[in-house]
Protein backbone atom coordinates (compact mmCIF):
# COMPACT_ATOMS: atom_id res chain seq x y z
CA UNK A 1 -36.57 11.60 11.23
CA UNK A 2 -34.03 10.38 8.69
CA UNK A 3 -33.28 7.16 10.46
CA UNK A 4 -36.85 6.00 11.04
CA UNK A 5 -37.28 4.48 7.51
CA UNK A 6 -34.21 2.28 8.25
CA UNK A 7 -35.74 0.74 11.37
CA UNK A 8 -37.26 -2.10 9.39
CA UNK A 9 -33.73 -3.15 8.34
CA UNK A 10 -32.59 -3.68 11.88
CA UNK A 11 -32.63 -7.16 13.42
CA UNK A 12 -34.54 -5.81 16.41
CA UNK A 13 -36.03 -2.54 17.75
CA UNK A 14 -33.59 -2.61 20.63
CA UNK A 15 -30.57 -2.88 18.34
CA UNK A 16 -32.01 -0.04 16.20
CA UNK A 17 -32.24 2.21 19.31
CA UNK A 18 -28.69 1.31 20.31
CA UNK A 19 -27.37 2.18 16.86
CA UNK A 20 -29.30 5.48 16.87
CA UNK A 21 -27.75 6.22 20.31
CA UNK A 22 -24.23 5.53 18.99
CA UNK A 23 -24.78 7.92 16.08
CA UNK A 24 -25.60 10.73 18.49
CA UNK A 25 -22.51 10.33 20.72
CA UNK A 26 -19.87 12.98 20.46
CA UNK A 27 -17.04 10.56 21.16
CA UNK A 28 -16.28 6.93 21.84
CA UNK A 29 -15.65 7.85 25.47
CA UNK A 30 -19.36 8.45 25.99
CA UNK A 31 -20.00 4.77 25.27
CA UNK A 32 -16.77 3.13 26.46
CA UNK A 33 -15.30 5.10 29.33
CA UNK A 34 -12.01 3.25 29.61
CA UNK A 35 -11.24 3.06 25.88
CA UNK A 36 -7.52 3.57 25.22
CA UNK A 37 -7.80 4.38 21.60
CA UNK A 38 -7.83 2.66 18.25
CA UNK A 39 -4.20 1.47 18.41
CA UNK A 40 -4.59 -0.15 21.77
CA UNK A 41 -7.93 -1.73 20.71
CA UNK A 42 -6.36 -3.12 17.54
CA UNK A 43 -3.43 -4.55 19.43
CA UNK A 44 -5.81 -6.22 21.96
CA UNK A 45 -7.84 -7.65 19.07
CA UNK A 46 -4.65 -8.98 17.48
CA UNK A 47 -3.60 -10.68 20.72
CA UNK A 48 -7.07 -12.27 21.08
CA UNK A 49 -6.81 -13.49 17.47
CA UNK A 50 -3.41 -15.06 18.11
CA UNK A 51 -4.76 -16.92 21.15
CA UNK A 52 -7.64 -18.25 19.08
CA UNK A 53 -5.24 -19.42 16.42
CA UNK A 54 -3.09 -21.18 18.99
CA UNK A 55 -6.13 -22.92 20.43
CA UNK A 56 -7.21 -24.11 17.01
CA UNK A 57 -3.86 -25.58 16.02
CA UNK A 58 -2.78 -28.79 17.70
CA UNK A 59 0.72 -28.90 19.09
CA UNK A 60 2.98 -29.15 16.04
CA UNK A 61 6.33 -30.73 15.69
CA UNK A 62 9.29 -28.37 15.35
CA UNK A 63 9.31 -28.93 11.54
CA UNK A 64 5.63 -28.05 11.32
CA UNK A 65 6.19 -24.87 13.34
CA UNK A 66 9.12 -23.85 11.10
CA UNK A 67 6.95 -24.36 8.03
CA UNK A 68 4.20 -22.18 9.56
CA UNK A 69 6.76 -19.44 10.22
CA UNK A 70 7.73 -19.42 6.53
CA UNK A 71 4.12 -19.23 5.36
CA UNK A 72 2.99 -16.68 7.94
CA UNK A 73 5.64 -14.72 9.89
CA UNK A 74 4.85 -14.01 13.49
CA UNK A 75 3.12 -10.68 14.17
CA UNK A 76 2.41 -10.26 10.44
CA UNK A 77 -1.13 -8.96 11.13
CA UNK A 78 0.28 -6.38 13.54
CA UNK A 79 2.77 -5.26 10.84
CA UNK A 80 -0.01 -4.90 8.30
CA UNK A 81 -2.20 -2.88 10.70
CA UNK A 82 0.70 -0.63 11.45
CA UNK A 83 1.38 -0.08 7.78
CA UNK A 84 -2.25 0.62 7.14
CA UNK A 85 -2.36 3.22 9.91
CA UNK A 86 0.86 4.85 8.71
CA UNK A 87 -0.56 4.99 5.16
CA UNK A 88 -3.82 6.59 6.43
CA UNK A 89 -1.89 9.28 8.36
CA UNK A 90 0.34 10.05 5.42
CA UNK A 91 -2.60 10.20 3.06
CA UNK A 92 -4.41 12.59 5.41
CA UNK A 93 -1.28 14.77 5.55
CA UNK A 94 -1.11 14.95 1.79
CA UNK A 95 -4.77 15.97 1.56
CA UNK A 96 -4.23 18.75 4.09
CA UNK A 97 -1.17 20.01 2.28
CA UNK A 98 -3.01 19.99 -1.07
CA UNK A 99 -6.05 21.75 0.31
CA UNK A 100 -3.98 24.40 2.11
CA UNK A 101 -1.88 24.94 -1.04
CA UNK A 102 -4.95 25.43 -3.17
CA UNK A 103 -6.83 27.57 -0.63
CA UNK A 104 -4.71 30.81 -0.95
CA UNK A 105 -4.88 30.67 -4.78
CA UNK A 106 -8.67 30.25 -4.66
CA UNK A 107 -9.04 33.23 -2.34
CA UNK A 108 -6.63 35.27 -4.44
CA UNK A 109 -8.59 34.61 -7.58
CA UNK A 110 -11.83 35.50 -5.75
CA UNK A 111 -10.25 38.80 -4.61
CA UNK A 112 -9.07 39.54 -8.13
CA UNK A 113 -12.47 38.86 -9.60
CA UNK A 114 -14.15 41.36 -7.28
């Protein structure tokens, strides 16, 4: 019911149906049975990206390769993705700790009020 008005925004009716199906899935495993998780998918994407970069760059002289290393260290994208994941986990932990710390005081004040 709520998605029907958005159907006109989709490139095609088939794509709209596919997107609606994805919204009703309980987990990724319903769609992609052999999915190994976000970390493995990111690492695979990074490897594919590195291959594409290597294909786009002509064979460079040793000096050119050294210059490229200074500008962009090897595996930098992987490092950034790992840092982002670590930050998200730590951020989620802080939210859980804050919410659990404030939960007892909220229930205590509700008990005192009654």
